[in-house]
Amino acid sequence: MQVDVGAGLRWFSTDTRLTLQPGTSPQEVRSTDQSWVDPLIAARIRVPLSDRWNFMGMVDYGGFRSGSKTWQVLATVEYSFANNWNVVGGYRYISFDHEVDNGDYSFSQSGPLLGVTYEF
């Protein structure tokens, strides 16, 4: 089993435009274009399940200031099918909450992932 802890930065860039269509009120358009960087701390664990299978779990948390918070969780299973080649499948959830132009901007995304890696 291998356990790692670390620190880093997560950069965000958003260009958002909201248009309210006219009805009983006139059309209104709001937009914001913001970029920011949040510091974060992270932990990762990698557990060999057999000579070809591994499990990896990772969590991070960042922001550490008023008006900004970010975190993610990632879990994967890896299969080594050739020398230095692996196929990876898993699930990821990421979320952030940040104050933008005196308003709260929140986003979360989750879903499966599939990839192929080559280790040098």
PDB file of N, CA and C in Angstrom:
ATOM      1  N   MET A   1       0.844  -1.175   0.000  1.00  0.00           N
ATOM      2  CA  MET A   1       0.000   0.000   0.000  1.00  0.00           C
ATOM      3  C   MET A   1       0.893   1.244   0.000  1.00  0.00           C
ATOM      4  N   GLN A   2       0.462   2.254  -0.716  1.00  0.00           N
ATOM      5  CA  GLN A   2       1.204   3.507  -0.816  1.00  0.00           C
ATOM      6  C   GLN A   2       0.260   4.655  -0.454  1.00  0.00           C
ATOM      7  N   VAL A   3       0.679   5.522   0.455  1.00  0.00           N
ATOM      8  CA  VAL A   3      -0.110   6.686   0.858  1.00  0.00           C
ATOM      9  C   VAL A   3       0.707   7.940   0.595  1.00  0.00           C
ATOM     10  N   ASP A   4       0.093   8.922  -0.045  1.00  0.00           N
ATOM     11  CA  ASP A   4       0.752  10.198  -0.344  1.00  0.00           C
ATOM     12  C   ASP A   4      -0.108  11.338   0.189  1.00  0.00           C
ATOM     13  N   VAL A   5       0.536  12.374   0.656  1.00  0.00           N
ATOM     14  CA  VAL A   5      -0.150  13.622   0.993  1.00  0.00           C
ATOM     15  C   VAL A   5       0.547  14.732   0.224  1.00  0.00           C
ATOM     16  N   GLY A   6      -0.198  15.758  -0.093  1.00  0.00           N
ATOM     17  CA  GLY A   6       0.397  16.822  -0.877  1.00  0.00           C
ATOM     18  C   GLY A   6      -0.370  18.119  -0.767  1.00  0.00           C
ATOM     19  N   ALA A   7       0.154  19.118  -1.408  1.00  0.00           N
ATOM     20  CA  ALA A   7      -0.466  20.439  -1.475  1.00  0.00           C
ATOM     21  C   ALA A   7      -0.284  20.954  -2.890  1.00  0.00           C
ATOM     22  N   GLY A   8      -1.184  21.821  -3.292  1.00  0.00           N
ATOM     23  CA  GLY A   8      -1.086  22.357  -4.636  1.00  0.00           C
ATOM     24  C   GLY A   8      -2.029  23.514  -4.839  1.00  0.00           C
ATOM     25  N   LEU A   9      -2.304  23.791  -6.091  1.00  0.00           N
ATOM     26  CA  LEU A   9      -3.178  24.891  -6.486  1.00  0.00           C
ATOM     27  C   LEU A   9      -4.179  24.380  -7.515  1.00  0.00           C
ATOM     28  N   ARG A  10      -5.401  24.900  -7.443  1.00  0.00           N
ATOM     29  CA  ARG A  10      -6.402  24.610  -8.476  1.00  0.00           C
ATOM     30  C   ARG A  10      -6.799  25.945  -9.099  1.00  0.00           C
ATOM     31  N   TRP A  11      -6.641  26.053 -10.415  1.00  0.00           N
ATOM     32  CA  TRP A  11      -6.968  27.275 -11.140  1.00  0.00           C
ATOM     33  C   TRP A  11      -8.347  27.138 -11.755  1.00  0.00           C
ATOM     34  N   PHE A  12      -9.166  28.169 -11.586  1.00  0.00           N
ATOM     35  CA  PHE A  12     -10.498  28.219 -12.178  1.00  0.00           C
ATOM     36  C   PHE A  12     -10.578  29.416 -13.118  1.00  0.00           C
ATOM     37  N   SER A  13     -11.295  29.246 -14.199  1.00  0.00           N
ATOM     38  CA  SER A  13     -11.586  30.339 -15.116  1.00  0.00           C
ATOM     39  C   SER A  13     -13.011  30.149 -15.596  1.00  0.00           C
ATOM     40  N   THR A  14     -13.833  31.166 -15.424  1.00  0.00           N
ATOM     41  CA  THR A  14     -15.233  31.057 -15.835  1.00  0.00           C
ATOM     42  C   THR A  14     -15.645  32.291 -16.629  1.00  0.00           C
ATOM     43  N   ASP A  15     -16.383  32.063 -17.665  1.00  0.00           N
ATOM     44  CA  ASP A  15     -16.968  33.120 -18.477  1.00  0.00           C
ATOM     45  C   ASP A  15     -18.442  32.759 -18.599  1.00  0.00           C
ATOM     46  N   THR A  16     -19.264  33.392 -17.790  1.00  0.00           N
ATOM     47  CA  THR A  16     -20.671  33.016 -17.662  1.00  0.00           C
ATOM     48  C   THR A  16     -21.562  34.166 -18.109  1.00  0.00           C
ATOM     49  N   ARG A  17     -22.600  33.819 -18.858  1.00  0.00           N
ATOM     50  CA  ARG A  17     -23.570  34.808 -19.331  1.00  0.00           C
ATOM     51  C   ARG A  17     -24.968  34.259 -19.075  1.00  0.00           C
ATOM     52  N   LEU A  18     -25.798  35.039 -18.446  1.00  0.00           N
ATOM     53  CA  LEU A  18     -27.179  34.666 -18.142  1.00  0.00           C
ATOM     54  C   LEU A  18     -28.104  35.677 -18.808  1.00  0.00           C
ATOM     55  N   THR A  19     -29.029  35.173 -19.621  1.00  0.00           N
ATOM     56  CA  THR A  19     -29.991  36.033 -20.304  1.00  0.00           C
ATOM     57  C   THR A  19     -31.390  35.671 -19.838  1.00  0.00           C
ATOM     58  N   LEU A  20     -32.096  36.649 -19.275  1.00  0.00           N
ATOM     59  CA  LEU A  20     -33.500  36.466 -18.895  1.00  0.00           C
ATOM     60  C   LEU A  20     -34.343  36.995 -20.047  1.00  0.00           C
ATOM     61  N   GLN A  21     -35.160  36.120 -20.625  1.00  0.00           N
ATOM     62  CA  GLN A  21     -35.962  36.483 -21.776  1.00  0.00           C
ATOM     63  C   GLN A  21     -37.081  37.451 -21.367  1.00  0.00           C
ATOM     64  N   PRO A  22     -37.448  38.359 -22.285  1.00  0.00           N
ATOM     65  CA  PRO A  22     -38.505  39.324 -21.955  1.00  0.00           C
ATOM     66  C   PRO A  22     -39.858  38.634 -21.802  1.00  0.00           C
ATOM     67  N   GLY A  23     -40.633  39.154 -20.952  1.00  0.00           N
ATOM     68  CA  GLY A  23     -41.992  38.671 -20.694  1.00  0.00           C
ATOM     69  C   GLY A  23     -42.734  39.829 -20.059  1.00  0.00           C
ATOM     70  N   THR A  24     -43.068  39.669 -18.803  1.00  0.00           N
ATOM     71  CA  THR A  24     -43.688  40.789 -18.087  1.00  0.00           C
ATOM     72  C   THR A  24     -42.647  41.835 -17.707  1.00  0.00           C
ATOM     73  N   SER A  25     -41.373  41.466 -17.766  1.00  0.00           N
ATOM     74  CA  SER A  25     -40.268  42.396 -17.507  1.00  0.00           C
ATOM     75  C   SER A  25     -39.392  42.446 -18.755  1.00  0.00           C
ATOM     76  N   PRO A  26     -38.621  43.522 -18.930  1.00  0.00           N
ATOM     77  CA  PRO A  26     -37.741  43.583 -20.102  1.00  0.00           C
ATOM     78  C   PRO A  26     -36.601  42.574 -19.995  1.00  0.00           C
ATOM     79  N   GLN A  27     -36.001  42.260 -21.144  1.00  0.00           N
ATOM     80  CA  GLN A  27     -34.871  41.329 -21.165  1.00  0.00           C
ATOM     81  C   GLN A  27     -33.734  41.885 -20.319  1.00  0.00           C
ATOM     82  N   GLU A  28     -33.076  40.969 -19.618  1.00  0.00           N
ATOM     83  CA  GLU A  28     -31.933  41.366 -18.803  1.00  0.00           C
ATOM     84  C   GLU A  28     -30.790  40.390 -19.053  1.00  0.00           C
ATOM     85  N   VAL A  29     -29.579  40.923 -19.195  1.00  0.00           N
ATOM     86  CA  VAL A  29     -28.399  40.117 -19.448  1.00  0.00           C
ATOM     87  C   VAL A  29     -27.378  40.405 -18.344  1.00  0.00           C
ATOM     88  N   ARG A  30     -26.883  39.351 -17.744  1.00  0.00           N
ATOM     89  CA  ARG A  30     -25.830  39.466 -16.725  1.00  0.00           C
ATOM     90  C   ARG A  30     -24.671  38.581 -17.160  1.00  0.00           C
ATOM     91  N   SER A  31     -23.458  39.040 -16.943  1.00  0.00           N
ATOM     92  CA  SER A  31     -22.305  38.217 -17.281  1.00  0.00           C
ATOM     93  C   SER A  31     -21.169  38.476 -16.299  1.00  0.00           C
ATOM     94  N   THR A  32     -20.301  37.490 -16.207  1.00  0.00           N
ATOM     95  CA  THR A  32     -19.096  37.623 -15.397  1.00  0.00           C
ATOM     96  C   THR A  32     -17.985  36.814 -16.043  1.00  0.00           C
ATOM     97  N   ASP A  33     -16.792  37.321 -15.953  1.00  0.00           N
ATOM     98  CA  ASP A  33     -15.608  36.650 -16.472  1.00  0.00           C
ATOM     99  C   ASP A  33     -14.567  36.719 -15.362  1.00  0.00           C
ATOM    100  N   GLN A  34     -14.372  35.614 -14.672  1.00  0.00           N
ATOM    101  CA  GLN A  34     -13.506  35.597 -13.502  1.00  0.00           C
ATOM    102  C   GLN A  34     -12.504  34.456 -13.593  1.00  0.00           C
ATOM    103  N   SER A  35     -11.349  34.658 -13.007  1.00  0.00           N
ATOM    104  CA  SER A  35     -10.348  33.611 -12.826  1.00  0.00           C
ATOM    105  C   SER A  35      -9.811  33.729 -11.414  1.00  0.00           C
ATOM    106  N   TRP A  36      -9.508  32.602 -10.787  1.00  0.00           N
ATOM    107  CA  TRP A  36      -8.927  32.609  -9.457  1.00  0.00           C
ATOM    108  C   TRP A  36      -8.197  31.302  -9.212  1.00  0.00           C
ATOM    109  N   VAL A  37      -7.353  31.312  -8.205  1.00  0.00           N
ATOM    110  CA  VAL A  37      -6.567  30.151  -7.821  1.00  0.00           C
ATOM    111  C   VAL A  37      -6.842  29.855  -6.356  1.00  0.00           C
ATOM    112  N   ASP A  38      -7.156  28.608  -6.056  1.00  0.00           N
ATOM    113  CA  ASP A  38      -7.369  28.168  -4.681  1.00  0.00           C
ATOM    114  C   ASP A  38      -6.246  27.218  -4.270  1.00  0.00           C
ATOM    115  N   PRO A  39      -5.626  27.454  -3.109  1.00  0.00           N
ATOM    116  CA  PRO A  39      -4.673  26.473  -2.594  1.00  0.00           C
ATOM    117  C   PRO A  39      -5.432  25.245  -2.113  1.00  0.00           C
ATOM    118  N   LEU A  40      -4.792  24.069  -2.133  1.00  0.00           N
ATOM    119  CA  LEU A  40      -5.472  22.865  -1.666  1.00  0.00           C
ATOM    120  C   LEU A  40      -4.494  21.892  -1.028  1.00  0.00           C
ATOM    121  N   ILE A  41      -5.056  20.998  -0.228  1.00  0.00           N
ATOM    122  CA  ILE A  41      -4.307  19.883   0.341  1.00  0.00           C
ATOM    123  C   ILE A  41      -4.956  18.610  -0.178  1.00  0.00           C
ATOM    124  N   ALA A  42      -4.163  17.540  -0.300  1.00  0.00           N
ATOM    125  CA  ALA A  42      -4.674  16.313  -0.914  1.00  0.00           C
ATOM    126  C   ALA A  42      -4.077  15.090  -0.230  1.00  0.00           C
ATOM    127  N   ALA A  43      -4.799  13.987  -0.330  1.00  0.00           N
ATOM    128  CA  ALA A  43      -4.309  12.685   0.134  1.00  0.00           C
ATOM    129  C   ALA A  43      -4.694  11.647  -0.910  1.00  0.00           C
ATOM    130  N   ARG A  44      -3.789  10.684  -1.109  1.00  0.00           N
ATOM    131  CA  ARG A  44      -4.029   9.624  -2.098  1.00  0.00           C
ATOM    132  C   ARG A  44      -3.554   8.300  -1.510  1.00  0.00           C
ATOM    133  N   ILE A  45      -4.307   7.257  -1.801  1.00  0.00           N
ATOM    134  CA  ILE A  45      -3.920   5.914  -1.383  1.00  0.00           C
ATOM    135  C   ILE A  45      -3.965   5.008  -2.607  1.00  0.00           C
ATOM    136  N   ARG A  46      -2.970   4.162  -2.729  1.00  0.00           N
ATOM    137  CA  ARG A  46      -2.922   3.183  -3.817  1.00  0.00           C
ATOM    138  C   ARG A  46      -2.710   1.814  -3.187  1.00  0.00           C
ATOM    139  N   VAL A  47      -3.619   0.893  -3.491  1.00  0.00           N
ATOM    140  CA  VAL A  47      -3.599  -0.435  -2.880  1.00  0.00           C
ATOM    141  C   VAL A  47      -3.513  -1.479  -3.984  1.00  0.00           C
ATOM    142  N   PRO A  48      -2.452  -2.289  -3.999  1.00  0.00           N
ATOM    143  CA  PRO A  48      -2.394  -3.387  -4.965  1.00  0.00           C
ATOM    144  C   PRO A  48      -3.402  -4.472  -4.586  1.00  0.00           C
ATOM    145  N   LEU A  49      -4.225  -4.868  -5.545  1.00  0.00           N
ATOM    146  CA  LEU A  49      -5.220  -5.910  -5.313  1.00  0.00           C
ATOM    147  C   LEU A  49      -4.715  -7.272  -5.781  1.00  0.00           C
ATOM    148  N   SER A  50      -3.836  -7.261  -6.774  1.00  0.00           N
ATOM    149  CA  SER A  50      -3.169  -8.471  -7.276  1.00  0.00           C
ATOM    150  C   SER A  50      -1.953  -8.001  -8.066  1.00  0.00           C
ATOM    151  N   ASP A  51      -1.311  -8.891  -8.802  1.00  0.00           N
ATOM    152  CA  ASP A  51      -0.140  -8.475  -9.570  1.00  0.00           C
ATOM    153  C   ASP A  51      -0.513  -7.564 -10.753  1.00  0.00           C
ATOM    154  N   ARG A  52      -1.774  -7.562 -11.184  1.00  0.00           N
ATOM    155  CA  ARG A  52      -2.196  -6.726 -12.322  1.00  0.00           C
ATOM    156  C   ARG A  52      -3.242  -5.665 -11.965  1.00  0.00           C
ATOM    157  N   TRP A  53      -3.868  -5.764 -10.799  1.00  0.00           N
ATOM    158  CA  TRP A  53      -4.956  -4.863 -10.413  1.00  0.00           C
ATOM    159  C   TRP A  53      -4.530  -3.965  -9.252  1.00  0.00           C
ATOM    160  N   ASN A  54      -4.929  -2.685  -9.322  1.00  0.00           N
ATOM    161  CA  ASN A  54      -4.691  -1.716  -8.248  1.00  0.00           C
ATOM    162  C   ASN A  54      -5.950  -0.889  -8.018  1.00  0.00           C
ATOM    163  N   PHE A  55      -6.109  -0.446  -6.792  1.00  0.00           N
ATOM    164  CA  PHE A  55      -7.149   0.520  -6.442  1.00  0.00           C
ATOM    165  C   PHE A  55      -6.466   1.817  -6.058  1.00  0.00           C
ATOM    166  N   MET A  56      -7.037   2.959  -6.492  1.00  0.00           N
ATOM    167  CA  MET A  56      -6.522   4.257  -6.093  1.00  0.00           C
ATOM    168  C   MET A  56      -7.678   5.135  -5.653  1.00  0.00           C
ATOM    169  N   GLY A  57      -7.531   5.763  -4.498  1.00  0.00           N
ATOM    170  CA  GLY A  57      -8.513   6.725  -4.003  1.00  0.00           C
ATOM    171  C   GLY A  57      -7.818   8.028  -3.678  1.00  0.00           C
ATOM    172  N   MET A  58      -8.467   9.156  -3.997  1.00  0.00           N
ATOM    173  CA  MET A  58      -7.880  10.458  -3.744  1.00  0.00           C
ATOM    174  C   MET A  58      -8.958  11.417  -3.285  1.00  0.00           C
ATOM    175  N   VAL A  59      -8.583  12.299  -2.377  1.00  0.00           N
ATOM    176  CA  VAL A  59      -9.478  13.358  -1.921  1.00  0.00           C
ATOM    177  C   VAL A  59      -8.647  14.628  -1.776  1.00  0.00           C
ATOM    178  N   ASP A  60      -9.242  15.773  -2.113  1.00  0.00           N
ATOM    179  CA  ASP A  60      -8.568  17.043  -1.851  1.00  0.00           C
ATOM    180  C   ASP A  60      -9.581  18.074  -1.388  1.00  0.00           C
ATOM    181  N   TYR A  61      -9.075  19.075  -0.714  1.00  0.00           N
ATOM    182  CA  TYR A  61      -9.912  20.166  -0.208  1.00  0.00           C
ATOM    183  C   TYR A  61      -9.112  21.454  -0.310  1.00  0.00           C
ATOM    184  N   GLY A  62      -9.774  22.521  -0.729  1.00  0.00           N
ATOM    185  CA  GLY A  62      -9.062  23.785  -0.870  1.00  0.00           C
ATOM    186  C   GLY A  62      -9.964  24.987  -0.723  1.00  0.00           C
ATOM    187  N   GLY A  63      -9.349  26.134  -0.874  1.00  0.00           N
ATOM    188  CA  GLY A  63     -10.033  27.419  -0.712  1.00  0.00           C
ATOM    189  C   GLY A  63      -9.461  28.145   0.487  1.00  0.00           C
ATOM    190  N   PHE A  64      -9.815  27.662   1.667  1.00  0.00           N
ATOM    191  CA  PHE A  64      -9.274  28.153   2.937  1.00  0.00           C
ATOM    192  C   PHE A  64      -9.447  29.649   3.149  1.00  0.00           C
ATOM    193  N   ARG A  65     -10.411  30.238   2.525  1.00  0.00           N
ATOM    194  CA  ARG A  65     -10.667  31.655   2.757  1.00  0.00           C
ATOM    195  C   ARG A  65     -12.158  31.904   2.636  1.00  0.00           C
ATOM    196  N   SER A  66     -12.597  32.990   3.156  1.00  0.00           N
ATOM    197  CA  SER A  66     -14.009  33.341   3.089  1.00  0.00           C
ATOM    198  C   SER A  66     -14.420  33.519   1.633  1.00  0.00           C
ATOM    199  N   GLY A  67     -15.490  32.874   1.244  1.00  0.00           N
ATOM    200  CA  GLY A  67     -16.008  33.029  -0.104  1.00  0.00           C
ATOM    201  C   GLY A  67     -15.461  32.071  -1.138  1.00  0.00           C
ATOM    202  N   SER A  68     -14.621  31.111  -0.743  1.00  0.00           N
ATOM    203  CA  SER A  68     -14.092  30.173  -1.725  1.00  0.00           C
ATOM    204  C   SER A  68     -13.858  28.818  -1.073  1.00  0.00           C
ATOM    205  N   LYS A  69     -14.392  27.769  -1.720  1.00  0.00           N
ATOM    206  CA  LYS A  69     -14.211  26.399  -1.237  1.00  0.00           C
ATOM    207  C   LYS A  69     -14.224  25.472  -2.447  1.00  0.00           C
ATOM    208  N   THR A  70     -13.318  24.498  -2.484  1.00  0.00           N
ATOM    209  CA  THR A  70     -13.288  23.503  -3.548  1.00  0.00           C
ATOM    210  C   THR A  70     -12.891  22.155  -2.970  1.00  0.00           C
ATOM    211  N   TRP A  71     -13.440  21.081  -3.527  1.00  0.00           N
ATOM    212  CA  TRP A  71     -13.055  19.733  -3.090  1.00  0.00           C
ATOM    213  C   TRP A  71     -13.393  18.734  -4.179  1.00  0.00           C
ATOM    214  N   GLN A  72     -12.706  17.587  -4.129  1.00  0.00           N
ATOM    215  CA  GLN A  72     -13.015  16.510  -5.054  1.00  0.00           C
ATOM    216  C   GLN A  72     -12.685  15.163  -4.422  1.00  0.00           C
ATOM    217  N   VAL A  73     -13.346  14.141  -4.940  1.00  0.00           N
ATOM    218  CA  VAL A  73     -13.116  12.755  -4.543  1.00  0.00           C
ATOM    219  C   VAL A  73     -12.974  11.958  -5.835  1.00  0.00           C
ATOM    220  N   LEU A  74     -11.979  11.062  -5.872  1.00  0.00           N
ATOM    221  CA  LEU A  74     -11.725  10.252  -7.051  1.00  0.00           C
ATOM    222  C   LEU A  74     -11.411   8.833  -6.605  1.00  0.00           C
ATOM    223  N   ALA A  75     -12.042   7.857  -7.228  1.00  0.00           N
ATOM    224  CA  ALA A  75     -11.752   6.444  -6.962  1.00  0.00           C
ATOM    225  C   ALA A  75     -11.594   5.743  -8.300  1.00  0.00           C
ATOM    226  N   THR A  76     -10.493   4.969  -8.443  1.00  0.00           N
ATOM    227  CA  THR A  76     -10.247   4.268  -9.698  1.00  0.00           C
ATOM    228  C   THR A  76      -9.773   2.845  -9.430  1.00  0.00           C
ATOM    229  N   VAL A  77      -9.970   2.006 -10.438  1.00  0.00           N
ATOM    230  CA  VAL A  77      -9.405   0.659 -10.484  1.00  0.00           C
ATOM    231  C   VAL A  77      -8.560   0.612 -11.741  1.00  0.00           C
ATOM    232  N   GLU A  78      -7.353   0.045 -11.597  1.00  0.00           N
ATOM    233  CA  GLU A  78      -6.397   0.033 -12.692  1.00  0.00           C
ATOM    234  C   GLU A  78      -6.004  -1.408 -13.013  1.00  0.00           C
ATOM    235  N   TYR A  79      -5.970  -1.712 -14.297  1.00  0.00           N
ATOM    236  CA  TYR A  79      -5.555  -3.041 -14.748  1.00  0.00           C
ATOM    237  C   TYR A  79      -4.325  -2.894 -15.635  1.00  0.00           C
ATOM    238  N   SER A  80      -3.247  -3.599 -15.311  1.00  0.00           N
ATOM    239  CA  SER A  80      -2.024  -3.573 -16.097  1.00  0.00           C
ATOM    240  C   SER A  80      -2.102  -4.668 -17.161  1.00  0.00           C
ATOM    241  N   PHE A  81      -2.264  -4.263 -18.430  1.00  0.00           N
ATOM    242  CA  PHE A  81      -2.455  -5.254 -19.494  1.00  0.00           C
ATOM    243  C   PHE A  81      -1.188  -5.531 -20.296  1.00  0.00           C
ATOM    244  N   ALA A  82      -0.153  -4.698 -20.126  1.00  0.00           N
ATOM    245  CA  ALA A  82       1.134  -4.907 -20.806  1.00  0.00           C
ATOM    246  C   ALA A  82       2.199  -4.174 -20.009  1.00  0.00           C
ATOM    247  N   ASN A  83       3.441  -4.382 -20.363  1.00  0.00           N
ATOM    248  CA  ASN A  83       4.530  -3.730 -19.666  1.00  0.00           C
ATOM    249  C   ASN A  83       4.375  -2.201 -19.724  1.00  0.00           C
ATOM    250  N   ASN A  84       4.194  -1.552 -18.586  1.00  0.00           N
ATOM    251  CA  ASN A  84       4.035  -0.098 -18.440  1.00  0.00           C
ATOM    252  C   ASN A  84       2.703   0.448 -18.955  1.00  0.00           C
ATOM    253  N   TRP A  85       1.798  -0.368 -19.443  1.00  0.00           N
ATOM    254  CA  TRP A  85       0.501   0.079 -19.963  1.00  0.00           C
ATOM    255  C   TRP A  85      -0.614  -0.355 -19.013  1.00  0.00           C
ATOM    256  N   ASN A  86      -1.538   0.573 -18.752  1.00  0.00           N
ATOM    257  CA  ASN A  86      -2.659   0.309 -17.846  1.00  0.00           C
ATOM    258  C   ASN A  86      -3.945   0.873 -18.429  1.00  0.00           C
ATOM    259  N   VAL A  87      -5.042   0.232 -18.117  1.00  0.00           N
ATOM    260  CA  VAL A  87      -6.356   0.792 -18.387  1.00  0.00           C
ATOM    261  C   VAL A  87      -6.960   1.142 -17.030  1.00  0.00           C
ATOM    262  N   VAL A  88      -7.589   2.321 -16.951  1.00  0.00           N
ATOM    263  CA  VAL A  88      -8.094   2.854 -15.689  1.00  0.00           C
ATOM    264  C   VAL A  88      -9.569   3.190 -15.851  1.00  0.00           C
ATOM    265  N   GLY A  89     -10.367   2.800 -14.867  1.00  0.00           N
ATOM    266  CA  GLY A  89     -11.775   3.167 -14.825  1.00  0.00           C
ATOM    267  C   GLY A  89     -12.117   3.631 -13.426  1.00  0.00           C
ATOM    268  N   GLY A  90     -13.034   4.570 -13.326  1.00  0.00           N
ATOM    269  CA  GLY A  90     -13.378   5.049 -11.999  1.00  0.00           C
ATOM    270  C   GLY A  90     -14.502   6.057 -12.012  1.00  0.00           C
ATOM    271  N   TYR A  91     -14.568   6.813 -10.919  1.00  0.00           N
ATOM    272  CA  TYR A  91     -15.622   7.794 -10.725  1.00  0.00           C
ATOM    273  C   TYR A  91     -15.025   9.019 -10.045  1.00  0.00           C
ATOM    274  N   ARG A  92     -15.457  10.211 -10.458  1.00  0.00           N
ATOM    275  CA  ARG A  92     -14.955  11.463  -9.893  1.00  0.00           C
ATOM    276  C   ARG A  92     -16.113  12.388  -9.571  1.00  0.00           C
ATOM    277  N   TYR A  93     -15.983  13.087  -8.440  1.00  0.00           N
ATOM    278  CA  TYR A  93     -16.915  14.156  -8.064  1.00  0.00           C
ATOM    279  C   TYR A  93     -16.072  15.367  -7.707  1.00  0.00           C
ATOM    280  N   ILE A  94     -16.382  16.516  -8.294  1.00  0.00           N
ATOM    281  CA  ILE A  94     -15.683  17.766  -7.989  1.00  0.00           C
ATOM    282  C   ILE A  94     -16.704  18.867  -7.765  1.00  0.00           C
ATOM    283  N   SER A  95     -16.398  19.752  -6.825  1.00  0.00           N
ATOM    284  CA  SER A  95     -17.319  20.831  -6.476  1.00  0.00           C
ATOM    285  C   SER A  95     -16.527  22.084  -6.115  1.00  0.00           C
ATOM    286  N   PHE A  96     -17.092  23.242  -6.425  1.00  0.00           N
ATOM    287  CA  PHE A  96     -16.536  24.482  -5.900  1.00  0.00           C
ATOM    288  C   PHE A  96     -17.643  25.467  -5.626  1.00  0.00           C
ATOM    289  N   ASP A  97     -17.366  26.356  -4.716  1.00  0.00           N
ATOM    290  CA  ASP A  97     -18.280  27.416  -4.313  1.00  0.00           C
ATOM    291  C   ASP A  97     -17.416  28.657  -4.148  1.00  0.00           C
ATOM    292  N   HIS A  98     -17.722  29.703  -4.904  1.00  0.00           N
ATOM    293  CA  HIS A  98     -16.869  30.895  -4.909  1.00  0.00           C
ATOM    294  C   HIS A  98     -17.738  32.140  -5.048  1.00  0.00           C
ATOM    295  N   GLU A  99     -17.380  33.167  -4.321  1.00  0.00           N
ATOM    296  CA  GLU A  99     -18.091  34.433  -4.427  1.00  0.00           C
ATOM    297  C   GLU A  99     -17.544  35.212  -5.619  1.00  0.00           C
ATOM    298  N   VAL A 100     -18.434  35.539  -6.582  1.00  0.00           N
ATOM    299  CA  VAL A 100     -18.053  36.242  -7.801  1.00  0.00           C
ATOM    300  C   VAL A 100     -18.943  37.468  -7.941  1.00  0.00           C
ATOM    301  N   ASP A 101     -18.341  38.636  -8.065  1.00  0.00           N
ATOM    302  CA  ASP A 101     -19.096  39.885  -8.251  1.00  0.00           C
ATOM    303  C   ASP A 101     -20.237  40.011  -7.241  1.00  0.00           C
ATOM    304  N   ASN A 102     -19.938  39.789  -5.988  1.00  0.00           N
ATOM    305  CA  ASN A 102     -20.914  39.876  -4.891  1.00  0.00           C
ATOM    306  C   ASN A 102     -22.050  38.874  -5.014  1.00  0.00           C
ATOM    307  N   GLY A 103     -21.848  37.812  -5.761  1.00  0.00           N
ATOM    308  CA  GLY A 103     -22.820  36.735  -5.879  1.00  0.00           C
ATOM    309  C   GLY A 103     -22.110  35.405  -5.676  1.00  0.00           C
ATOM    310  N   ASP A 104     -22.882  34.399  -5.377  1.00  0.00           N
ATOM    311  CA  ASP A 104     -22.306  33.081  -5.116  1.00  0.00           C
ATOM    312  C   ASP A 104     -22.337  32.253  -6.394  1.00  0.00           C
ATOM    313  N   TYR A 105     -21.191  31.702  -6.779  1.00  0.00           N
ATOM    314  CA  TYR A 105     -21.090  30.863  -7.966  1.00  0.00           C
ATOM    315  C   TYR A 105     -20.733  29.459  -7.502  1.00  0.00           C
ATOM    316  N   SER A 106     -21.622  28.507  -7.721  1.00  0.00           N
ATOM    317  CA  SER A 106     -21.408  27.128  -7.290  1.00  0.00           C
ATOM    318  C   SER A 106     -21.461  26.205  -8.497  1.00  0.00           C
ATOM    319  N   PHE A 107     -20.635  25.167  -8.444  1.00  0.00           N
ATOM    320  CA  PHE A 107     -20.585  24.214  -9.544  1.00  0.00           C
ATOM    321  C   PHE A 107     -20.194  22.863  -8.976  1.00  0.00           C
ATOM    322  N   SER A 108     -20.837  21.825  -9.456  1.00  0.00           N
ATOM    323  CA  SER A 108     -20.402  20.468  -9.127  1.00  0.00           C
ATOM    324  C   SER A 108     -20.584  19.600 -10.367  1.00  0.00           C
ATOM    325  N   GLN A 109     -19.702  18.620 -10.478  1.00  0.00           N
ATOM    326  CA  GLN A 109     -19.749  17.733 -11.635  1.00  0.00           C
ATOM    327  C   GLN A 109     -19.294  16.359 -11.169  1.00  0.00           C
ATOM    328  N   SER A 110     -19.939  15.334 -11.702  1.00  0.00           N
ATOM    329  CA  SER A 110     -19.544  13.977 -11.326  1.00  0.00           C
ATOM    330  C   SER A 110     -19.790  13.049 -12.508  1.00  0.00           C
ATOM    331  N   GLY A 111     -19.089  11.925 -12.459  1.00  0.00           N
ATOM    332  CA  GLY A 111     -19.316  10.945 -13.496  1.00  0.00           C
ATOM    333  C   GLY A 111     -18.192   9.943 -13.601  1.00  0.00           C
ATOM    334  N   PRO A 112     -18.410   8.954 -14.445  1.00  0.00           N
ATOM    335  CA  PRO A 112     -17.406   7.909 -14.640  1.00  0.00           C
ATOM    336  C   PRO A 112     -16.245   8.418 -15.497  1.00  0.00           C
ATOM    337  N   LEU A 113     -15.137   7.721 -15.397  1.00  0.00           N
ATOM    338  CA  LEU A 113     -13.991   8.031 -16.246  1.00  0.00           C
ATOM    339  C   LEU A 113     -13.357   6.736 -16.718  1.00  0.00           C
ATOM    340  N   LEU A 114     -12.725   6.812 -17.870  1.00  0.00           N
ATOM    341  CA  LEU A 114     -12.048   5.671 -18.461  1.00  0.00           C
ATOM    342  C   LEU A 114     -10.829   6.201 -19.190  1.00  0.00           C
ATOM    343  N   GLY A 115      -9.699   5.557 -18.997  1.00  0.00           N
ATOM    344  CA  GLY A 115      -8.491   6.037 -19.651  1.00  0.00           C
ATOM    345  C   GLY A 115      -7.445   4.943 -19.786  1.00  0.00           C
ATOM    346  N   VAL A 116      -6.418   5.259 -20.543  1.00  0.00           N
ATOM    347  CA  VAL A 116      -5.264   4.386 -20.733  1.00  0.00           C
ATOM    348  C   VAL A 116      -4.037   5.193 -20.344  1.00  0.00           C
ATOM    349  N   THR A 117      -3.133   4.573 -19.561  1.00  0.00           N
ATOM    350  CA  THR A 117      -1.936   5.273 -19.139  1.00  0.00           C
ATOM    351  C   THR A 117      -0.694   4.481 -19.528  1.00  0.00           C
ATOM    352  N   TYR A 118       0.377   5.229 -19.718  1.00  0.00           N
ATOM    353  CA  TYR A 118       1.690   4.623 -19.941  1.00  0.00           C
ATOM    354  C   TYR A 118       2.620   5.179 -18.875  1.00  0.00           C
ATOM    355  N   GLU A 119       3.299   4.326 -18.140  1.00  0.00           N
ATOM    356  CA  GLU A 119       4.225   4.747 -17.096  1.00  0.00           C
ATOM    357  C   GLU A 119       5.642   4.680 -17.607  1.00  0.00           C
ATOM    358  N   PHE A 120       6.373   5.781 -17.475  1.00  0.00           N
ATOM    359  CA  PHE A 120       7.781   5.854 -17.904  1.00  0.00           C
ATOM    360  C   PHE A 120       8.671   5.206 -16.896  1.00  0.00           C
TER     361      PHE A 120
END
